[in-house]
Amino acid sequence: MPNLAVELQQTPGEQETPVLKVENLHTWFEIRRMGFFKAGDVRALDGVSFELYQGETVSIVGESGCGKSTLAKTILGLHRPTKGVMYFEGKDMSEFTKEDLKAYRANVGYVQQDPYGALPPFMTVRRILEEPLIINGVKDKAKRDKRIKAVLEEVKLAPVEDFLPKFPHMLSGGQQQRLVIARAMILEPKMLVADEPVSMLDASVRVEILQLLRRLQKKHNLAIIYITHDLSTVRYFSERIFTMYGAKIIEKSTTESLLDNPLHPYTQALFKATSDPDAENLKTYKEVPTGEPPSLMNPPKGCRFHPRCSKMIKGKCDQFEPPEFQVNGEQLVSCWLYEEKK
């Protein structure tokens, strides 16, 4: 796979206001028995903080059930946060009116994992792309048609006139995902949330879709949140990588630093579990931690990874939640192993 990374005109630290700022975000879901009695809360997000800058891609990685998709849907406004604050272009989203929220959603595109399931089967390509424009007040049909044709050309669904009357089932998987991306781009957003956008596609098509997203990012200076469990793609498609485990972000780093030197034992385990064509590397599978991810209804005390961690410090990791420690100047890791290296 070619390296798709491009240099930002400004590094994140040099930009004044992030496109998105998340502070101590919690999203909990109440569980009730028999519809009346509260049985507890599923802590799907439990204290997540980060910043995203214009023109930057942040990859969020972790195994299934760690909170990646809940984070995406909370950012999109599909879930209401239980606690914490999100800022979009410096504005507190908790203070948004209905009109503000509608404008925000027009500025955030969503690329779903399953393209066929994300597209209404009874709508043509034209209607799928026209609907967001109508909802957002573009009344001039000529303007709608012009925008639809422009975005289809951008995502390489051409000749445009051949695709406009087609229904989703008439498209290949790669073409369906291009249509999902076209719908995400139709309102010219400032930010994209891509939730496992290539996991259901063939390997050759994955490269094309990632290249397409990178071209769109460069052309429109998009901020992108790329959510995945596939570490084989993040190195080509992100400036920074965040590792999630047990509803928390446990490591933040530039892509290069994380690939060269993953710090958290869980991040190290993720890399060891990544498929490798070299048969000599199969022995690394023996080092992958055993056990299951923690219950998000009753998470363990202290570090949430400690029941599976071979480097666990008794009396510390199992008792106290680790703060973020800065290592090597550009990596942040929530692990007591780095307490003396802060």
Protein backbone atom coordinates (compact mmCIF):
# COMPACT_ATOMS: atom_id res chain seq x y z
CA MET A 1 0.00 0.00 0.00
CA PRO A 2 1.40 3.44 -0.87
CA ASN A 3 2.02 5.87 1.94
CA LEU A 4 -0.86 8.34 1.86
CA ALA A 5 0.37 10.61 4.65
CA VAL A 6 0.73 14.29 3.85
CA GLU A 7 2.31 17.02 5.95
CA LEU A 8 -0.01 19.47 7.64
CA GLN A 9 0.56 23.11 6.86
CA GLN A 10 0.54 23.67 10.61
CA THR A 11 1.22 21.15 13.33
CA PRO A 12 -1.68 20.69 15.77
CA GLY A 13 0.13 22.61 18.49
CA GLU A 14 0.56 25.63 16.24
CA GLN A 15 -3.12 25.99 15.38
CA GLU A 16 -5.05 28.27 17.71
CA THR A 17 -8.53 26.73 17.80
CA PRO A 18 -9.22 23.04 17.18
CA VAL A 19 -12.15 22.07 14.99
CA LEU A 20 -13.30 19.73 17.75
CA LYS A 21 -12.33 19.70 21.41
CA VAL A 22 -13.61 16.99 23.76
CA GLU A 23 -13.22 17.37 27.52
CA ASN A 24 -13.92 14.55 30.01
CA LEU A 25 -16.67 13.08 27.85
CA HIS A 26 -18.90 10.42 29.42
CA THR A 27 -21.71 8.55 27.66
CA TRP A 28 -23.51 6.10 29.91
CA PHE A 29 -26.57 4.01 29.05
CA GLU A 30 -29.00 3.14 31.81
CA ILE A 31 -30.00 -0.51 32.16
CA ARG A 32 -33.42 -1.29 33.67
CA ARG A 33 -34.98 -4.54 34.79
CA MET A 34 -38.58 -5.18 33.84
CA GLY A 35 -38.64 -1.65 32.45
CA PHE A 36 -38.83 -0.05 35.91
CA PHE A 37 -35.91 -0.91 38.17
CA LYS A 38 -32.48 0.50 37.46
CA ALA A 39 -29.89 -2.29 37.21
CA GLY A 40 -26.89 -0.07 36.52
CA ASP A 41 -25.18 1.87 33.76
CA VAL A 42 -23.14 0.76 30.79
CA ARG A 43 -20.19 3.17 30.78
CA ALA A 44 -19.66 3.18 27.02
CA LEU A 45 -17.49 6.32 27.27
CA ASP A 46 -15.88 7.12 30.58
CA GLY A 47 -13.79 10.26 30.56
CA VAL A 48 -12.47 10.87 27.02
CA SER A 49 -10.54 14.05 26.14
CA PHE A 50 -8.76 15.08 22.93
CA GLU A 51 -8.49 17.79 20.28
CA LEU A 52 -8.81 17.56 16.49
CA TYR A 53 -7.39 20.21 14.16
CA GLN A 54 -8.27 21.30 10.63
CA GLY A 55 -6.62 19.17 7.96
CA GLU A 56 -5.66 16.46 10.44
CA THR A 57 -6.61 12.78 10.61
CA VAL A 58 -6.79 11.15 14.03
CA SER A 59 -7.13 7.36 14.06
CA ILE A 60 -8.89 5.80 17.04
CA VAL A 61 -7.99 2.13 17.43
CA GLY A 62 -9.05 -0.62 19.79
CA GLU A 63 -10.87 -3.94 19.92
CA SER A 64 -14.62 -4.31 19.55
CA GLY A 65 -16.60 -2.99 22.50
CA CYS A 66 -14.00 -0.46 23.66
CA GLY A 67 -16.23 2.56 22.91
CA LYS A 68 -15.03 3.68 19.46
CA SER A 69 -18.45 3.74 17.78
CA THR A 70 -20.11 5.28 20.84
CA LEU A 71 -17.54 8.06 20.66
CA ALA A 72 -18.35 8.58 16.97
CA LYS A 73 -22.11 8.73 17.58
CA THR A 74 -21.70 11.08 20.55
CA ILE A 75 -19.61 13.42 18.42
CA LEU A 76 -22.26 13.27 15.70
CA GLY A 77 -24.96 14.18 18.21
CA LEU A 78 -26.74 10.83 17.93
CA HIS A 79 -26.05 10.12 21.62
CA ARG A 80 -26.39 12.74 24.32
CA PRO A 81 -23.32 12.80 26.59
CA THR A 82 -23.93 12.04 30.25
CA LYS A 83 -21.15 14.36 31.34
CA GLY A 84 -18.39 16.41 29.79
CA VAL A 85 -18.17 19.11 27.14
CA MET A 86 -17.59 19.18 23.39
CA TYR A 87 -16.51 22.33 21.56
CA PHE A 88 -16.92 22.80 17.81
CA GLU A 89 -14.75 25.63 16.48
CA GLY A 90 -14.51 26.95 20.03
CA LYS A 91 -18.27 26.91 20.70
CA ASP A 92 -19.73 24.90 23.58
CA MET A 93 -22.08 22.36 21.98
CA SER A 94 -24.10 21.98 25.18
CA GLU A 95 -25.40 25.49 24.51
CA PHE A 96 -26.44 24.77 20.92
CA THR A 97 -30.02 25.55 19.93
CA LYS A 98 -31.89 23.28 17.49
CA GLU A 99 -30.77 25.55 14.67
CA ASP A 100 -27.16 25.42 15.88
CA LEU A 101 -27.29 21.63 16.08
CA LYS A 102 -28.70 21.41 12.54
CA ALA A 103 -25.89 23.65 11.28
CA TYR A 104 -23.33 21.55 13.16
CA ARG A 105 -24.58 18.31 11.60
CA ALA A 106 -24.34 19.93 8.17
CA ASN A 107 -20.66 20.56 8.94
CA VAL A 108 -19.94 16.97 9.98
CA GLY A 109 -20.07 14.13 7.46
CA TYR A 110 -20.54 10.51 8.52
CA VAL A 111 -19.08 7.54 6.64
CA GLN A 112 -20.59 4.31 7.95
CA GLN A 113 -19.06 0.85 8.10
CA ASP A 114 -21.67 -1.03 6.07
CA PRO A 115 -22.37 0.91 2.86
CA TYR A 116 -25.34 -1.21 1.78
CA GLY A 117 -27.01 -0.98 5.19
CA ALA A 118 -26.37 2.78 5.29
CA LEU A 119 -28.16 3.48 1.99
CA PRO A 120 -31.98 3.48 1.64
CA PRO A 121 -32.70 0.71 -0.89
CA PHE A 122 -35.82 2.43 -2.28
CA MET A 123 -34.00 5.65 -3.27
CA THR A 124 -31.99 6.32 -6.40
CA VAL A 125 -28.50 7.81 -6.26
CA ARG A 126 -29.95 11.18 -7.23
CA ARG A 127 -32.55 11.09 -4.46
CA ILE A 128 -30.02 9.91 -1.83
CA LEU A 129 -27.79 12.90 -2.54
CA GLU A 130 -30.62 15.36 -3.08
CA GLU A 131 -32.34 14.76 0.26
CA PRO A 132 -29.66 16.42 2.49
CA LEU A 133 -29.68 19.47 0.20
CA ILE A 134 -33.47 19.79 0.43
CA ILE A 135 -33.43 19.36 4.23
CA ASN A 136 -30.81 22.09 4.51
CA GLY A 137 -32.75 24.60 2.44
CA VAL A 138 -31.29 24.35 -1.07
CA LYS A 139 -34.54 25.05 -2.95
CA ASP A 140 -33.10 25.71 -6.41
CA LYS A 141 -33.22 22.42 -8.34
CA ALA A 142 -30.50 23.57 -10.75
CA LYS A 143 -28.16 24.24 -7.81
CA ARG A 144 -28.96 20.83 -6.33
CA ASP A 145 -28.25 19.08 -9.63
CA LYS A 146 -24.99 20.97 -10.06
CA ARG A 147 -23.81 20.02 -6.55
CA ILE A 148 -24.86 16.35 -6.98
CA LYS A 149 -22.94 16.02 -10.24
CA ALA A 150 -19.88 17.75 -8.76
CA VAL A 151 -19.71 15.44 -5.74
CA LEU A 152 -20.23 12.30 -7.85
CA GLU A 153 -17.32 13.34 -10.03
CA GLU A 154 -15.21 13.94 -6.90
CA VAL A 155 -15.79 10.40 -5.66
CA LYS A 156 -15.19 8.96 -9.16
CA LEU A 157 -18.71 7.70 -9.85
CA ALA A 158 -18.65 8.55 -13.53
CA PRO A 159 -20.14 8.96 -16.03
CA VAL A 160 -22.48 10.74 -13.64
CA GLU A 161 -25.61 10.37 -15.80
CA ASP A 162 -25.25 6.58 -15.70
CA PHE A 163 -25.24 6.48 -11.90
CA LEU A 164 -28.00 9.00 -11.08
CA PRO A 165 -30.98 6.67 -11.79
CA LYS A 166 -29.42 3.59 -10.16
CA PHE A 167 -30.50 2.05 -6.84
CA PRO A 168 -27.93 0.92 -4.21
CA HIS A 169 -28.32 -2.79 -5.03
CA MET A 170 -27.18 -2.05 -8.59
CA LEU A 171 -23.77 -0.84 -7.34
CA SER A 172 -20.72 -2.83 -6.26
CA GLY A 173 -19.51 -2.65 -2.65
CA GLY A 174 -16.82 -0.13 -3.56
CA GLN A 175 -19.29 2.00 -5.51
CA GLN A 176 -21.73 1.91 -2.60
CA GLN A 177 -19.03 3.18 -0.24
CA ARG A 178 -18.14 5.94 -2.72
CA LEU A 179 -21.82 6.92 -2.67
CA VAL A 180 -21.77 6.97 1.16
CA ILE A 181 -18.73 9.27 0.99
CA ALA A 182 -20.49 11.45 -1.60
CA ARG A 183 -23.48 11.80 0.75
CA ALA A 184 -21.11 12.71 3.60
CA MET A 185 -19.50 15.38 1.38
CA ILE A 186 -22.65 16.75 -0.26
CA LEU A 187 -23.02 19.67 2.21
CA GLU A 188 -19.28 20.51 2.06
CA PRO A 189 -18.50 19.64 5.70
CA LYS A 190 -15.49 20.72 7.74
CA MET A 191 -15.12 17.37 9.49
CA LEU A 192 -15.68 13.69 8.64
CA VAL A 193 -16.29 10.84 11.05
CA ALA A 194 -15.36 7.58 9.32
CA ASP A 195 -16.40 4.54 11.37
CA GLU A 196 -14.62 1.45 10.01
CA PRO A 197 -15.14 2.73 6.42
CA VAL A 198 -13.14 -0.03 4.69
CA SER A 199 -13.61 -3.07 6.95
CA MET A 200 -16.30 -4.62 4.72
CA LEU A 201 -14.46 -4.08 1.43
CA ASP A 202 -11.97 -6.18 -0.52
CA ALA A 203 -8.30 -5.39 0.08
CA SER A 204 -7.79 -3.73 -3.31
CA VAL A 205 -10.87 -1.57 -2.87
CA ARG A 206 -9.73 -0.52 0.62
CA VAL A 207 -6.68 1.18 -0.86
CA GLU A 208 -8.83 3.07 -3.37
CA ILE A 209 -11.26 4.28 -0.69
CA LEU A 210 -8.47 5.44 1.63
CA GLN A 211 -6.80 7.23 -1.27
CA LEU A 212 -10.11 8.89 -2.10
CA LEU A 213 -10.61 10.07 1.49
CA ARG A 214 -7.07 11.44 1.58
CA ARG A 215 -7.57 13.34 -1.69
CA LEU A 216 -10.81 14.83 -0.39
CA GLN A 217 -9.09 15.79 2.85
CA LYS A 218 -6.26 17.54 1.05
CA LYS A 219 -8.59 19.33 -1.39
CA HIS A 220 -11.08 20.56 1.23
CA ASN A 221 -8.76 20.76 4.28
CA LEU A 222 -10.97 18.31 6.17
CA ALA A 223 -10.52 17.15 9.74
CA ILE A 224 -11.11 13.39 9.90
CA ILE A 225 -11.75 10.99 12.77
CA TYR A 226 -10.88 7.54 11.45
CA ILE A 227 -12.20 4.74 13.67
CA THR A 228 -10.82 1.27 13.10
CA HIS A 229 -9.49 -1.91 14.66
CA ASP A 230 -7.26 -2.54 11.64
CA LEU A 231 -3.76 -1.31 12.48
CA SER A 232 -2.53 -2.20 8.99
CA THR A 233 -4.25 0.91 7.57
CA VAL A 234 -3.69 3.58 10.23
CA ARG A 235 -0.02 4.07 9.41
CA TYR A 236 -0.97 5.28 5.93
CA PHE A 237 -3.87 7.46 6.91
CA SER A 238 -3.30 9.44 10.08
CA GLU A 239 -1.17 12.11 11.71
CA ARG A 240 -1.99 10.90 15.23
CA ILE A 241 -3.24 7.65 16.75
CA PHE A 242 -5.31 7.24 19.92
CA THR A 243 -5.68 3.83 21.56
CA MET A 244 -8.97 3.06 23.34
CA TYR A 245 -9.55 0.38 25.96
CA GLY A 246 -12.45 -0.06 28.36
CA ALA A 247 -14.19 3.18 27.27
CA LYS A 248 -11.06 5.29 27.82
CA ILE A 249 -8.26 6.65 25.65
CA ILE A 250 -5.12 5.15 27.15
CA GLU A 251 -2.46 6.34 24.71
CA LYS A 252 -2.08 9.32 22.35
CA SER A 253 0.82 9.73 19.99
CA THR A 254 1.95 10.85 16.56
CA THR A 255 1.66 8.00 14.09
CA GLU A 256 5.40 7.71 13.58
CA SER A 257 6.16 7.59 17.31
CA LEU A 258 3.47 5.03 18.04
CA LEU A 259 4.57 2.74 15.23
CA ASP A 260 8.21 2.97 16.32
CA ASN A 261 7.59 2.67 20.05
CA PRO A 262 4.11 1.80 21.37
CA LEU A 263 4.17 2.43 25.12
CA HIS A 264 1.05 1.03 26.75
CA PRO A 265 1.08 -2.78 27.19
CA TYR A 266 -2.32 -2.94 25.48
CA THR A 267 -1.11 -0.95 22.46
CA GLN A 268 1.89 -3.26 22.24
CA ALA A 269 -0.49 -6.23 22.31
CA LEU A 270 -2.58 -4.74 19.48
CA PHE A 271 0.48 -4.50 17.26
CA LYS A 272 1.54 -8.04 18.09
CA ALA A 273 -1.92 -9.29 17.13
CA THR A 274 -1.82 -7.57 13.73
CA SER A 275 -1.56 -10.07 10.89
CA ASP A 276 1.90 -10.42 9.42
CA PRO A 277 2.83 -12.26 6.18
CA ASP A 278 6.16 -13.36 7.70
CA ALA A 279 5.70 -16.83 9.21
CA GLU A 280 8.65 -16.23 11.53
CA ASN A 281 6.60 -13.64 13.38
CA LEU A 282 3.87 -16.10 14.37
CA LYS A 283 5.61 -16.62 17.70
CA THR A 284 4.52 -13.13 18.78
CA TYR A 285 0.95 -14.41 19.04
CA LYS A 286 2.00 -16.23 22.23
CA GLU A 287 2.60 -12.87 23.88
CA VAL A 288 -0.90 -11.51 23.29
CA PRO A 289 -2.72 -11.10 26.64
CA THR A 290 -5.35 -13.67 27.48
CA GLY A 291 -8.73 -12.85 28.96
CA GLU A 292 -11.66 -10.67 27.95
CA PRO A 293 -12.23 -6.89 27.82
CA PRO A 294 -13.66 -5.46 31.05
CA SER A 295 -17.34 -5.21 31.79
CA LEU A 296 -18.47 -1.64 31.15
CA MET A 297 -21.19 -2.07 33.76
CA ASN A 298 -18.73 -3.09 36.48
CA PRO A 299 -15.26 -2.00 35.33
CA PRO A 300 -12.31 -3.13 37.47
CA LYS A 301 -10.77 -0.79 39.99
CA GLY A 302 -7.58 0.98 38.96
CA CYS A 303 -6.26 0.53 35.42
CA ARG A 304 -8.87 -1.27 33.36
CA PHE A 305 -6.25 -3.33 31.58
CA HIS A 306 -4.58 -4.64 34.74
CA PRO A 307 -6.44 -8.01 34.92
CA ARG A 308 -4.87 -8.92 31.54
CA CYS A 309 -1.52 -7.18 31.92
CA SER A 310 1.68 -9.17 32.53
CA LYS A 311 3.44 -5.98 33.72
CA MET A 312 0.82 -5.13 36.37
CA ILE A 313 2.20 -3.54 39.55
CA LYS A 314 0.31 -5.00 42.52
CA GLY A 315 -1.09 -2.46 44.93
CA LYS A 316 -0.96 0.26 42.31
CA CYS A 317 -2.35 -0.78 38.92
CA ASP A 318 -5.15 -2.71 40.63
CA GLN A 319 -6.03 0.12 43.03
CA PHE A 320 -5.47 3.50 41.36
CA GLU A 321 -6.47 4.78 37.94
CA PRO A 322 -3.35 6.07 36.15
CA PRO A 323 -3.21 9.68 34.93
CA GLU A 324 -1.65 10.66 31.62
CA PHE A 325 2.14 10.72 31.62
CA GLN A 326 4.10 12.47 28.88
CA VAL A 327 6.92 10.40 27.42
CA ASN A 328 9.51 11.41 24.82
CA GLY A 329 7.90 14.81 24.45
CA GLU A 330 5.07 13.74 22.13
CA GLN A 331 3.48 10.60 23.57
CA LEU A 332 0.84 10.56 26.30
CA VAL A 333 0.16 7.27 28.05
CA SER A 334 -2.07 6.32 30.97
CA CYS A 335 0.10 3.66 32.57
CA TRP A 336 1.88 3.54 35.95
CA LEU A 337 4.95 2.01 34.28
CA TYR A 338 5.86 5.51 33.09
CA GLU A 339 5.35 7.36 36.35
CA GLU A 340 9.08 8.05 36.78
CA LYS A 341 9.49 9.03 33.12
CA LYS A 342 7.02 11.90 33.06
